[in-house]
C-alpha cells in the first residue's frame, strides 16, 4: 500500500490511499465526508439500500488509527448524513467505537450535513468547530477555499466536493476513481465514506489529481 509525502509550509503531509491525510507535525489524521448513516437515511425514506456501511466505515477508520497512532482525528465536515442517521443502532455503534479510542481528541469541522443533522457532540465526545479551524500551519475547512492565495503560509484542507476523476480505457471504457485535488496550498480530500458517490472534477492548470486505485495513488495532470 503506497502513500505520497508532499512538503507544504515547512513540514511533510502524507496523503494516504485509504482516502485520508496524515500530518506528522501535529500527530493529526484528517478525513472528509464520512456520511455515517446515509444508508439508514435512505432506508428511512423508503429506498431499498444495503446495510453495513457504518460498520465498514468505522472499521476502516480503526485500521487507520492503528496505523498512524494519532493524537487528533479531525473530520472535515459531514461526519453524519442527516438527522435520520441518528438511529439507536448507529448511535450504539459509534459510542462503542468512540470509547475504544477515548484517548484520541476528535474534532468535527461542521459541514452542511452536520448542521442539518444537529449537534450530538455531548453524547458522542466530539468537539465541534466552525470553519476555518486553524491547526498548526493547517487551515481545516469543509468547503474548499476559493481565496487560498491569501494564506500563503498555510495549507488548507477541505472536503465537500467528493472529487473523482475519470480515466479512459480502451474503446468506450472509463474508470472513475476517487482522488485528492492538490494545488500549491490547498488539498481537497476524497470522500472517506463508502456510500457517498462522487463528482468528476475538471482540473485547473495549477492543480493535479492523485487518484486512488487498488491501494496505490496515481498522479493525473490537467
C-alpha atoms as a PDB file:
ATOM      1  CA  UNK A   1       0.000   0.000   0.000  1.00  0.00           C
ATOM      2  CA  UNK A   2       1.530   3.308  -1.076  1.00  0.00           C
ATOM      3  CA  UNK A   3       1.312   6.825   0.261  1.00  0.00           C
ATOM      4  CA  UNK A   4       2.590  10.133  -1.036  1.00  0.00           C
ATOM      5  CA  UNK A   5       4.592  12.603   1.037  1.00  0.00           C
ATOM      6  CA  UNK A   6       4.259  16.233  -0.024  1.00  0.00           C
ATOM      7  CA  UNK A   7       6.015  19.171   1.579  1.00  0.00           C
ATOM      8  CA  UNK A   8       3.948  22.210   2.489  1.00  0.00           C
ATOM      9  CA  UNK A   9       4.652  25.101   4.843  1.00  0.00           C
ATOM     10  CA  UNK A  10       7.947  23.570   6.001  1.00  0.00           C
ATOM     11  CA  UNK A  11       6.567  20.197   7.071  1.00  0.00           C
ATOM     12  CA  UNK A  12       5.500  16.987   5.400  1.00  0.00           C
ATOM     13  CA  UNK A  13       1.949  15.832   4.829  1.00  0.00           C
ATOM     14  CA  UNK A  14       1.269  12.209   3.966  1.00  0.00           C
ATOM     15  CA  UNK A  15      -1.569  11.535   1.528  1.00  0.00           C
ATOM     16  CA  UNK A  16      -2.867   8.032   2.147  1.00  0.00           C
ATOM     17  CA  UNK A  17      -4.586   5.730  -0.367  1.00  0.00           C
ATOM     18  CA  UNK A  18      -7.127   4.992   2.371  1.00  0.00           C
ATOM     19  CA  UNK A  19      -8.521   8.427   1.374  1.00  0.00           C
ATOM     20  CA  UNK A  20      -7.123  10.230   4.414  1.00  0.00           C
ATOM     21  CA  UNK A  21      -4.270  12.597   5.200  1.00  0.00           C
ATOM     22  CA  UNK A  22      -1.675  12.336   7.969  1.00  0.00           C
ATOM     23  CA  UNK A  23       0.172  15.317   9.441  1.00  0.00           C
ATOM     24  CA  UNK A  24       3.185  14.087  11.445  1.00  0.00           C
ATOM     25  CA  UNK A  25       3.959  17.575  12.758  1.00  0.00           C
ATOM     26  CA  UNK A  26       0.746  17.707  14.789  1.00  0.00           C
ATOM     27  CA  UNK A  27       0.136  13.935  15.018  1.00  0.00           C
ATOM     28  CA  UNK A  28      -3.214  14.513  13.318  1.00  0.00           C
ATOM     29  CA  UNK A  29      -5.260  12.394  10.953  1.00  0.00           C
ATOM     30  CA  UNK A  30      -7.732  14.140   8.634  1.00  0.00           C
ATOM     31  CA  UNK A  31     -10.711  12.576   6.851  1.00  0.00           C
ATOM     32  CA  UNK A  32     -13.591  14.174   4.975  1.00  0.00           C
ATOM     33  CA  UNK A  33     -17.197  13.299   4.242  1.00  0.00           C
ATOM     34  CA  UNK A  34     -17.727  10.035   6.098  1.00  0.00           C
ATOM     35  CA  UNK A  35     -21.537  10.441   5.906  1.00  0.00           C
ATOM     36  CA  UNK A  36     -22.346   7.923   8.617  1.00  0.00           C
ATOM     37  CA  UNK A  37     -25.965   6.828   8.447  1.00  0.00           C
ATOM     38  CA  UNK A  38     -26.528   7.749   4.806  1.00  0.00           C
ATOM     39  CA  UNK A  39     -27.846   4.282   4.011  1.00  0.00           C
ATOM     40  CA  UNK A  40     -30.070   4.387   7.106  1.00  0.00           C
ATOM     41  CA  UNK A  41     -31.402   7.754   5.953  1.00  0.00           C
ATOM     42  CA  UNK A  42     -32.271   6.341   2.540  1.00  0.00           C
ATOM     43  CA  UNK A  43     -33.981   3.342   4.135  1.00  0.00           C
ATOM     44  CA  UNK A  44     -35.993   5.679   6.396  1.00  0.00           C
ATOM     45  CA  UNK A  45     -37.199   7.375   3.208  1.00  0.00           C
ATOM     46  CA  UNK A  46     -38.283   4.050   1.743  1.00  0.00           C
ATOM     47  CA  UNK A  47     -35.298   3.424  -0.520  1.00  0.00           C
ATOM     48  CA  UNK A  48     -34.073  -0.217  -0.548  1.00  0.00           C
ATOM     49  CA  UNK A  49     -30.332   0.170   0.021  1.00  0.00           C
ATOM     50  CA  UNK A  50     -27.985  -2.332   1.733  1.00  0.00           C
ATOM     51  CA  UNK A  51     -26.877  -2.010   5.353  1.00  0.00           C
ATOM     52  CA  UNK A  52     -23.487  -2.473   6.948  1.00  0.00           C
ATOM     53  CA  UNK A  53     -21.807   0.693   5.682  1.00  0.00           C
ATOM     54  CA  UNK A  54     -21.418   2.183   9.176  1.00  0.00           C
ATOM     55  CA  UNK A  55     -19.552  -0.887  10.422  1.00  0.00           C
ATOM     56  CA  UNK A  56     -17.385  -0.832   7.311  1.00  0.00           C
ATOM     57  CA  UNK A  57     -16.551   2.871   7.637  1.00  0.00           C
ATOM     58  CA  UNK A  58     -15.761   2.625  11.354  1.00  0.00           C
ATOM     59  CA  UNK A  59     -13.629  -0.459  10.704  1.00  0.00           C
ATOM     60  CA  UNK A  60     -11.614   1.401   8.078  1.00  0.00           C
ATOM     61  CA  UNK A  61     -11.167   4.308  10.493  1.00  0.00           C
ATOM     62  CA  UNK A  62      -9.978   1.915  13.196  1.00  0.00           C
ATOM     63  CA  UNK A  63      -7.320   0.470  10.895  1.00  0.00           C
ATOM     64  CA  UNK A  64      -6.119   3.977  10.059  1.00  0.00           C
ATOM     65  CA  UNK A  65      -5.927   4.916  13.744  1.00  0.00           C
ATOM     66  CA  UNK A  66      -3.907   1.777  14.437  1.00  0.00           C
ATOM     67  CA  UNK A  67      -1.628   2.580  11.528  1.00  0.00           C
ATOM     68  CA  UNK A  68      -0.961   6.244  12.359  1.00  0.00           C
ATOM     69  CA  UNK A  69      -1.439   6.377  16.167  1.00  0.00           C
ATOM     70  CA  UNK A  70      -2.730   9.979  16.090  1.00  0.00           C
ATOM     71  CA  UNK A  71      -3.279  12.351  18.951  1.00  0.00           C
ATOM     72  CA  UNK A  72      -6.013  14.105  16.947  1.00  0.00           C
ATOM     73  CA  UNK A  73      -8.621  12.937  14.456  1.00  0.00           C
ATOM     74  CA  UNK A  74     -10.149  15.826  12.540  1.00  0.00           C
ATOM     75  CA  UNK A  75     -13.262  15.327  10.436  1.00  0.00           C
ATOM     76  CA  UNK A  76     -13.521  17.862   7.603  1.00  0.00           C
ATOM     77  CA  UNK A  77     -17.291  18.011   7.727  1.00  0.00           C
ATOM     78  CA  UNK A  78     -20.252  15.737   7.024  1.00  0.00           C
ATOM     79  CA  UNK A  79     -19.492  13.049   9.574  1.00  0.00           C
ATOM     80  CA  UNK A  80     -23.220  12.272   9.837  1.00  0.00           C
ATOM     81  CA  UNK A  81     -25.519  12.401   6.849  1.00  0.00           C
ATOM     82  CA  UNK A  82     -28.829  13.596   8.291  1.00  0.00           C
ATOM     83  CA  UNK A  83     -30.999  13.671  11.396  1.00  0.00           C
ATOM     84  CA  UNK A  84     -32.472  10.304  10.340  1.00  0.00           C
ATOM     85  CA  UNK A  85     -28.948   8.856  10.680  1.00  0.00           C
ATOM     86  CA  UNK A  86     -29.165   9.074  14.467  1.00  0.00           C
ATOM     87  CA  UNK A  87     -30.749   5.665  14.834  1.00  0.00           C
ATOM     88  CA  UNK A  88     -30.380   3.741  18.079  1.00  0.00           C
ATOM     89  CA  UNK A  89     -28.206   1.149  16.327  1.00  0.00           C
ATOM     90  CA  UNK A  90     -25.856   3.697  14.756  1.00  0.00           C
ATOM     91  CA  UNK A  91     -25.524   5.668  17.986  1.00  0.00           C
ATOM     92  CA  UNK A  92     -24.623   2.478  19.860  1.00  0.00           C
ATOM     93  CA  UNK A  93     -22.037   1.567  17.213  1.00  0.00           C
ATOM     94  CA  UNK A  94     -20.448   4.996  17.211  1.00  0.00           C
ATOM     95  CA  UNK A  95     -20.470   5.301  21.007  1.00  0.00           C
ATOM     96  CA  UNK A  96     -18.719   1.954  21.399  1.00  0.00           C
ATOM     97  CA  UNK A  97     -16.199   2.874  18.711  1.00  0.00           C
ATOM     98  CA  UNK A  98     -15.540   6.253  20.350  1.00  0.00           C
ATOM     99  CA  UNK A  99     -14.949   4.601  23.716  1.00  0.00           C
ATOM    100  CA  UNK A 100     -12.429   2.256  22.089  1.00  0.00           C
ATOM    101  CA  UNK A 101     -10.453   5.349  21.033  1.00  0.00           C
ATOM    102  CA  UNK A 102     -11.102   7.553  24.061  1.00  0.00           C
ATOM    103  CA  UNK A 103      -7.505   8.810  24.238  1.00  0.00           C
ATOM    104  CA  UNK A 104      -7.752  10.489  20.814  1.00  0.00           C
ATOM    105  CA  UNK A 105      -9.044  14.029  20.575  1.00  0.00           C
ATOM    106  CA  UNK A 106     -11.713  14.165  17.867  1.00  0.00           C
ATOM    107  CA  UNK A 107     -12.847  17.391  16.241  1.00  0.00           C
ATOM    108  CA  UNK A 108     -15.640  17.836  13.724  1.00  0.00           C
ATOM    109  CA  UNK A 109     -15.463  20.881  11.464  1.00  0.00           C
ATOM    110  CA  UNK A 110     -19.148  21.373  10.773  1.00  0.00           C
ATOM    111  CA  UNK A 111     -20.286  20.635   7.248  1.00  0.00           C
ATOM    112  CA  UNK A 112     -23.645  21.295   5.634  1.00  0.00           C
ATOM    113  CA  UNK A 113     -24.943  17.824   6.512  1.00  0.00           C
ATOM    114  CA  UNK A 114     -23.770  18.099  10.128  1.00  0.00           C
ATOM    115  CA  UNK A 115     -25.627  21.366  10.536  1.00  0.00           C
ATOM    116  CA  UNK A 116     -28.847  19.812   9.225  1.00  0.00           C
ATOM    117  CA  UNK A 117     -28.369  16.667  11.330  1.00  0.00           C
ATOM    118  CA  UNK A 118     -27.979  18.616  14.570  1.00  0.00           C
ATOM    119  CA  UNK A 119     -25.299  18.624  17.255  1.00  0.00           C
ATOM    120  CA  UNK A 120     -24.777  15.391  19.195  1.00  0.00           C
ATOM    121  CA  UNK A 121     -21.264  16.271  20.389  1.00  0.00           C
ATOM    122  CA  UNK A 122     -22.002  15.969  24.117  1.00  0.00           C
ATOM    123  CA  UNK A 123     -23.172  12.376  23.901  1.00  0.00           C
ATOM    124  CA  UNK A 124     -20.564  11.373  21.298  1.00  0.00           C
ATOM    125  CA  UNK A 125     -17.495  13.055  22.848  1.00  0.00           C
ATOM    126  CA  UNK A 126     -16.777  15.185  19.785  1.00  0.00           C
ATOM    127  CA  UNK A 127     -15.572  18.767  19.708  1.00  0.00           C
ATOM    128  CA  UNK A 128     -17.430  20.850  17.145  1.00  0.00           C
ATOM    129  CA  UNK A 129     -15.810  23.761  15.317  1.00  0.00           C
ATOM    130  CA  UNK A 130     -16.896  26.181  12.635  1.00  0.00           C
ATOM    131  CA  UNK A 131     -14.624  26.636   9.655  1.00  0.00           C
ATOM    132  CA  UNK A 132     -11.918  27.757   9.346  1.00  0.00           C
ATOM    133  CA  UNK A 133     -10.199  25.793  12.101  1.00  0.00           C
ATOM    134  CA  UNK A 134      -6.523  26.724  12.469  1.00  0.00           C
ATOM    135  CA  UNK A 135      -4.476  23.692  13.477  1.00  0.00           C
ATOM    136  CA  UNK A 136      -0.754  24.431  13.407  1.00  0.00           C
ATOM    137  CA  UNK A 137       0.031  25.525   9.855  1.00  0.00           C
ATOM    138  CA  UNK A 138      -3.120  23.826   8.578  1.00  0.00           C
ATOM    139  CA  UNK A 139      -6.449  25.538   7.954  1.00  0.00           C
ATOM    140  CA  UNK A 140      -9.164  22.884   8.228  1.00  0.00           C
ATOM    141  CA  UNK A 141     -12.407  23.553   6.385  1.00  0.00           C
ATOM    142  CA  UNK A 142     -15.385  21.727   4.946  1.00  0.00           C
ATOM    143  CA  UNK A 143     -15.842  23.872   1.862  1.00  0.00           C
ATOM    144  CA  UNK A 144     -12.799  24.471  -0.371  1.00  0.00           C
ATOM    145  CA  UNK A 145     -11.412  27.990  -0.129  1.00  0.00           C
ATOM    146  CA  UNK A 146     -11.572  29.969  -3.372  1.00  0.00           C
ATOM    147  CA  UNK A 147      -9.102  32.502  -1.955  1.00  0.00           C
ATOM    148  CA  UNK A 148      -6.292  30.229  -0.757  1.00  0.00           C
ATOM    149  CA  UNK A 149      -3.711  32.571  -2.273  1.00  0.00           C
ATOM    150  CA  UNK A 150      -4.430  34.938   0.630  1.00  0.00           C
ATOM    151  CA  UNK A 151      -2.994  32.330   3.049  1.00  0.00           C
ATOM    152  CA  UNK A 152       0.479  31.694   1.570  1.00  0.00           C
ATOM    153  CA  UNK A 153       1.977  30.423   4.844  1.00  0.00           C
ATOM    154  CA  UNK A 154      -0.729  27.831   5.457  1.00  0.00           C
ATOM    155  CA  UNK A 155      -2.088  24.758   3.717  1.00  0.00           C
ATOM    156  CA  UNK A 156      -5.857  24.463   3.509  1.00  0.00           C
ATOM    157  CA  UNK A 157      -7.504  21.047   3.790  1.00  0.00           C
ATOM    158  CA  UNK A 158     -11.114  20.708   2.678  1.00  0.00           C
ATOM    159  CA  UNK A 159     -13.754  18.214   1.630  1.00  0.00           C
ATOM    160  CA  UNK A 160     -17.383  18.619   0.477  1.00  0.00           C
ATOM    161  CA  UNK A 161     -16.711  18.048  -3.234  1.00  0.00           C
ATOM    162  CA  UNK A 162     -16.238  14.228  -3.116  1.00  0.00           C
ATOM    163  CA  UNK A 163     -13.781  14.599  -6.013  1.00  0.00           C
ATOM    164  CA  UNK A 164     -13.366  11.850  -8.575  1.00  0.00           C
ATOM    165  CA  UNK A 165     -11.571  11.695 -11.892  1.00  0.00           C
ATOM    166  CA  UNK A 166     -12.321   9.578 -14.964  1.00  0.00           C
ATOM    167  CA  UNK A 167      -9.564   7.773 -16.828  1.00  0.00           C
ATOM    168  CA  UNK A 168     -10.146   6.486 -20.344  1.00  0.00           C
ATOM    169  CA  UNK A 169      -9.541   2.858 -21.129  1.00  0.00           C
ATOM    170  CA  UNK A 170      -9.882   1.013 -24.392  1.00  0.00           C
ATOM    171  CA  UNK A 171     -12.866   1.818 -26.554  1.00  0.00           C
ATOM    172  CA  UNK A 172     -15.613   3.460 -24.535  1.00  0.00           C
ATOM    173  CA  UNK A 173     -14.404   2.163 -21.190  1.00  0.00           C
ATOM    174  CA  UNK A 174     -13.900   4.650 -18.401  1.00  0.00           C
ATOM    175  CA  UNK A 175     -12.684   4.179 -14.869  1.00  0.00           C
ATOM    176  CA  UNK A 176     -13.903   6.697 -12.293  1.00  0.00           C
ATOM    177  CA  UNK A 177     -11.642   6.947  -9.262  1.00  0.00           C
ATOM    178  CA  UNK A 178     -11.732   8.952  -6.011  1.00  0.00           C
ATOM    179  CA  UNK A 179      -8.909  11.467  -5.896  1.00  0.00           C
ATOM    180  CA  UNK A 180      -7.147  14.166  -3.945  1.00  0.00           C
ATOM    181  CA  UNK A 181      -7.119  17.522  -5.747  1.00  0.00           C
ATOM    182  CA  UNK A 182      -3.884  19.373  -4.988  1.00  0.00           C
ATOM    183  CA  UNK A 183      -2.755  22.878  -5.770  1.00  0.00           C
ATOM    184  CA  UNK A 184       0.022  24.956  -4.262  1.00  0.00           C
ATOM    185  CA  UNK A 185      -1.577  25.452  -0.854  1.00  0.00           C
ATOM    186  CA  UNK A 186      -4.887  23.590  -0.815  1.00  0.00           C
ATOM    187  CA  UNK A 187      -5.737  19.887  -0.806  1.00  0.00           C
ATOM    188  CA  UNK A 188      -9.304  18.698  -1.338  1.00  0.00           C
ATOM    189  CA  UNK A 189      -9.700  15.238   0.156  1.00  0.00           C
ATOM    190  CA  UNK A 190     -11.801  12.486  -1.425  1.00  0.00           C
ATOM    191  CA  UNK A 191     -14.866  11.325   0.453  1.00  0.00           C
ATOM    192  CA  UNK A 192     -13.948   8.730   3.078  1.00  0.00           C
ATOM    193  CA  UNK A 193     -17.387   7.145   3.287  1.00  0.00           C
ATOM    194  CA  UNK A 194     -18.206   4.105   1.188  1.00  0.00           C
ATOM    195  CA  UNK A 195     -21.755   5.146   0.278  1.00  0.00           C
ATOM    196  CA  UNK A 196     -21.151   8.726  -0.777  1.00  0.00           C
ATOM    197  CA  UNK A 197     -20.904   8.974  -4.553  1.00  0.00           C
ATOM    198  CA  UNK A 198     -18.556  11.433  -6.200  1.00  0.00           C
ATOM    199  CA  UNK A 199     -18.292  14.305  -8.649  1.00  0.00           C
ATOM    200  CA  UNK A 200     -15.835  14.417 -11.517  1.00  0.00           C
ATOM    201  CA  UNK A 201     -13.515  17.406 -11.268  1.00  0.00           C
ATOM    202  CA  UNK A 202     -12.181  19.484 -14.142  1.00  0.00           C
ATOM    203  CA  UNK A 203      -8.587  20.187 -13.178  1.00  0.00           C
ATOM    204  CA  UNK A 204      -7.293  23.721 -13.456  1.00  0.00           C
ATOM    205  CA  UNK A 205      -3.818  24.453 -14.789  1.00  0.00           C
ATOM    206  CA  UNK A 206      -2.412  24.843 -11.269  1.00  0.00           C
ATOM    207  CA  UNK A 207      -3.945  21.589  -9.975  1.00  0.00           C
ATOM    208  CA  UNK A 208      -3.112  17.909 -10.080  1.00  0.00           C
ATOM    209  CA  UNK A 209      -5.198  14.924  -9.080  1.00  0.00           C
ATOM    210  CA  UNK A 210      -3.897  11.991  -7.090  1.00  0.00           C
ATOM    211  CA  UNK A 211      -6.232   9.145  -7.957  1.00  0.00           C
ATOM    212  CA  UNK A 212      -6.700   6.221  -5.583  1.00  0.00           C
ATOM    213  CA  UNK A 213      -6.689   2.788  -7.208  1.00  0.00           C
ATOM    214  CA  UNK A 214      -6.020  -0.658  -5.742  1.00  0.00           C
ATOM    215  CA  UNK A 215      -4.261   0.666  -2.630  1.00  0.00           C
ATOM    216  CA  UNK A 216      -1.980   2.981  -4.621  1.00  0.00           C
ATOM    217  CA  UNK A 217      -2.085   6.557  -5.880  1.00  0.00           C
ATOM    218  CA  UNK A 218      -1.542   7.785  -9.397  1.00  0.00           C
ATOM    219  CA  UNK A 219      -0.783  11.350 -10.417  1.00  0.00           C
ATOM    220  CA  UNK A 220      -3.052  12.841 -13.076  1.00  0.00           C
ATOM    221  CA  UNK A 221      -2.179  16.151 -14.725  1.00  0.00           C
ATOM    222  CA  UNK A 222      -4.703  18.579 -16.273  1.00  0.00           C
END
